[in-house]
């Protein structure tokens, strides 16, 4: 299934009852510096979901000439991710999660409080939560608001550029959630 095969649940161009369409709202309402980061590894199967969503969101943002929102695919976490967030007022991170008890393809909205404070992957890095604390202690300007949307994946990684069907089916909803997030940000 391709991302464009499913009609969007939220159209940034819809206008009902005299309400402004997404393209109109974004240009006059987003004064805060905003970034959307899709995390993942594009050659590790389902782990690429965040990158794929960021790619689709970036296309929509560029089509609307929305210069207030930056969208990027990013491949590292911890301290490197914290450094990438420096200078932004708000951020949306799109990622994958494992072992949260849901079926593959389940979408979750998370906060920084939902993230672990200790990492077990490497003694040479830290979790995003710990890295943000360190960055703030060092006086860096980091987002006051960081939201996370994630899709549940299997805990096995294999070299592949293909997503499993449940994760691929979740992509259109993740794209719509990201666009809705942009539309709802403080003015």
Protein backbone atom coordinates (compact mmCIF):
# COMPACT_ATOMS: atom_id res chain seq x y z
CA UNK A 1 0.00 0.00 0.00
CA UNK A 2 1.34 3.40 -0.93
CA UNK A 3 0.86 6.47 1.23
CA UNK A 4 -1.29 8.17 -1.40
CA UNK A 5 -3.63 5.18 -1.80
CA UNK A 6 -5.67 6.13 1.26
CA UNK A 7 -7.75 9.31 1.23
CA UNK A 8 -6.71 11.72 3.97
CA UNK A 9 -8.74 11.86 7.16
CA UNK A 10 -7.88 15.54 7.48
CA UNK A 11 -7.54 17.73 4.47
CA UNK A 12 -5.50 20.87 5.00
CA UNK A 13 -7.50 22.46 2.22
CA UNK A 14 -11.03 21.85 3.58
CA UNK A 15 -13.05 24.85 4.58
CA UNK A 16 -16.43 24.47 6.24
CA UNK A 17 -18.73 27.09 7.69
CA UNK A 18 -16.43 29.96 6.79
CA UNK A 19 -13.53 28.51 8.77
CA UNK A 20 -10.07 29.16 7.44
CA UNK A 21 -8.35 26.33 5.64
CA UNK A 22 -5.09 24.98 7.02
CA UNK A 23 -3.05 26.89 4.44
CA UNK A 24 -4.57 30.18 5.58
CA UNK A 25 -4.29 29.50 9.30
CA UNK A 26 -0.65 28.47 9.23
CA UNK A 27 0.62 31.55 7.46
CA UNK A 28 -0.80 34.01 9.96
CA UNK A 29 -0.83 31.99 13.18
CA UNK A 30 2.52 30.24 13.60
CA UNK A 31 4.90 32.83 14.94
CA UNK A 32 6.80 30.37 17.07
CA UNK A 33 9.78 28.52 15.60
CA UNK A 34 8.52 24.99 14.99
CA UNK A 35 10.18 21.74 13.90
CA UNK A 36 8.79 18.34 13.00
CA UNK A 37 11.33 15.54 13.16
CA UNK A 38 10.72 12.08 11.74
CA UNK A 39 13.08 9.67 13.47
CA UNK A 40 14.19 6.32 12.14
CA UNK A 41 16.45 4.33 9.92
CA UNK A 42 15.24 4.08 6.32
CA UNK A 43 16.87 0.68 5.77
CA UNK A 44 15.59 -1.07 8.91
CA UNK A 45 12.05 -1.94 7.85
CA UNK A 46 9.36 -0.52 10.14
CA UNK A 47 11.88 1.74 11.87
CA UNK A 48 11.63 3.94 8.75
CA UNK A 49 8.03 4.96 9.58
CA UNK A 50 9.01 8.29 11.18
CA UNK A 51 11.15 9.21 8.17
CA UNK A 52 8.38 8.29 5.73
CA UNK A 53 5.85 10.40 7.61
CA UNK A 54 8.26 13.36 7.74
CA UNK A 55 8.78 13.08 3.98
CA UNK A 56 5.02 13.21 3.31
CA UNK A 57 4.44 16.06 5.79
CA UNK A 58 7.32 18.03 4.28
CA UNK A 59 5.70 17.78 0.83
CA UNK A 60 2.45 19.23 2.21
CA UNK A 61 4.25 22.00 4.11
CA UNK A 62 6.31 22.98 1.04
CA UNK A 63 3.23 22.97 -1.20
CA UNK A 64 1.66 25.51 1.16
CA UNK A 65 4.86 27.59 1.34
CA UNK A 66 4.75 27.39 5.13
CA UNK A 67 8.11 28.79 6.16
CA UNK A 68 7.33 28.79 9.89
CA UNK A 69 7.57 24.99 10.12
CA UNK A 70 10.71 23.01 9.41
CA UNK A 71 10.40 19.29 8.70
CA UNK A 72 13.36 16.95 8.80
CA UNK A 73 14.23 13.28 8.75
CA UNK A 74 16.72 12.51 11.50
CA UNK A 75 18.59 9.32 12.22
CA UNK A 76 20.00 9.71 15.74
CA UNK A 77 18.59 10.17 19.22
CA UNK A 78 19.80 11.28 22.62
CA UNK A 79 22.33 14.10 22.67
CA UNK A 80 22.39 14.52 18.87
CA UNK A 81 18.60 14.92 18.80
CA UNK A 82 18.71 17.39 21.69
CA UNK A 83 21.29 19.45 19.79
CA UNK A 84 19.03 19.47 16.71
CA UNK A 85 16.17 20.88 18.82
CA UNK A 86 18.20 23.89 20.01
CA UNK A 87 16.61 27.18 19.03
CA UNK A 88 13.05 25.91 18.52
CA UNK A 89 9.99 26.86 20.55
CA UNK A 90 7.99 23.71 19.88
CA UNK A 91 8.62 20.33 18.32
CA UNK A 92 6.80 17.27 17.12
CA UNK A 93 8.74 14.02 17.00
CA UNK A 94 7.42 11.16 14.89
CA UNK A 95 8.97 7.83 15.80
CA UNK A 96 8.37 4.16 16.39
CA UNK A 97 7.96 2.37 19.72
CA UNK A 98 8.42 -1.22 20.76
CA UNK A 99 7.05 -3.32 23.58
CA UNK A 100 4.33 -0.98 24.82
CA UNK A 101 1.80 -3.81 24.73
CA UNK A 102 -0.15 -2.81 21.65
CA UNK A 103 -0.52 -4.48 18.30
CA UNK A 104 1.87 -3.68 15.46
CA UNK A 105 0.62 -0.49 13.79
CA UNK A 106 -1.02 0.98 16.90
CA UNK A 107 -0.51 4.74 17.05
CA UNK A 108 0.31 6.43 20.33
CA UNK A 109 0.49 10.05 21.41
CA UNK A 110 3.25 10.42 23.98
CA UNK A 111 4.75 13.13 26.15
CA UNK A 112 8.26 13.52 27.46
CA UNK A 113 7.03 11.98 30.74
CA UNK A 114 6.31 8.76 28.86
CA UNK A 115 9.95 8.39 27.81
CA UNK A 116 12.52 6.43 29.83
CA UNK A 117 15.15 8.29 31.82
CA UNK A 118 17.84 5.65 31.39
CA UNK A 119 19.14 4.11 28.21
CA UNK A 120 20.20 0.52 27.88
CA UNK A 121 21.32 0.70 24.24
CA UNK A 122 24.66 2.43 24.70
CA UNK A 123 26.80 3.73 27.54
CA UNK A 124 28.04 6.43 25.11
CA UNK A 125 24.78 8.37 24.78
CA UNK A 126 21.68 9.21 26.80
CA UNK A 127 17.94 9.22 26.42
CA UNK A 128 16.30 12.27 24.90
CA UNK A 129 14.78 13.11 28.27
CA UNK A 130 18.19 13.12 29.99
CA UNK A 131 19.80 14.98 27.07
CA UNK A 132 17.15 17.73 27.26
CA UNK A 133 17.75 18.10 31.00
CA UNK A 134 21.48 18.45 30.34
CA UNK A 135 20.91 20.95 27.53
CA UNK A 136 18.71 23.12 29.72
CA UNK A 137 21.26 22.98 32.56
CA UNK A 138 23.85 24.24 30.07
CA UNK A 139 21.56 27.15 29.16
CA UNK A 140 20.49 26.01 25.69
CA UNK A 141 17.18 27.28 24.28
CA UNK A 142 15.15 24.10 23.83
CA UNK A 143 11.46 23.70 23.00
CA UNK A 144 9.06 24.27 25.86
CA UNK A 145 6.68 21.92 24.11
CA UNK A 146 7.71 18.57 22.62
CA UNK A 147 4.97 16.20 21.50
CA UNK A 148 5.54 12.70 20.19
CA UNK A 149 3.46 10.52 17.95
CA UNK A 150 4.64 6.98 17.46
CA UNK A 151 3.59 3.73 15.87
CA UNK A 152 4.15 0.35 17.50
CA UNK A 153 6.53 -1.95 15.61
CA UNK A 154 7.99 -5.43 16.18
CA UNK A 155 11.13 -5.45 18.27
CA UNK A 156 13.04 -7.25 15.51
CA UNK A 157 15.03 -5.19 13.04
CA UNK A 158 15.97 -6.52 9.64
CA UNK A 159 17.55 -4.79 6.69
CA UNK A 160 14.67 -3.82 4.43
CA UNK A 161 13.24 -0.71 2.85
CA UNK A 162 9.72 -2.17 3.12
CA UNK A 163 7.28 -1.55 5.93
CA UNK A 164 5.07 -4.32 7.27
CA UNK A 165 1.41 -3.94 6.22
CA UNK A 166 0.12 -2.79 9.65
CA UNK A 167 2.75 -0.04 9.87
CA UNK A 168 2.27 1.02 6.24
CA UNK A 169 -1.48 1.29 6.86
CA UNK A 170 -0.83 3.61 9.83
CA UNK A 171 1.18 6.15 7.78
CA UNK A 172 -1.74 8.20 6.39
CA UNK A 173 -3.17 8.65 9.88
CA UNK A 174 0.25 9.65 11.22
CA UNK A 175 0.59 12.24 8.44
CA UNK A 176 -2.84 13.64 9.26
CA UNK A 177 -2.03 13.75 12.97
CA UNK A 178 1.14 15.72 12.22
CA UNK A 179 -0.76 18.22 10.04
CA UNK A 180 -3.45 18.60 12.71
CA UNK A 181 -0.72 19.18 15.30
CA UNK A 182 0.68 22.03 13.20
CA UNK A 183 -2.78 23.52 12.74
CA UNK A 184 -3.46 23.50 16.51
CA UNK A 185 -0.23 25.16 17.65
CA UNK A 186 -0.40 28.40 19.67
CA UNK A 187 -0.77 31.59 17.75
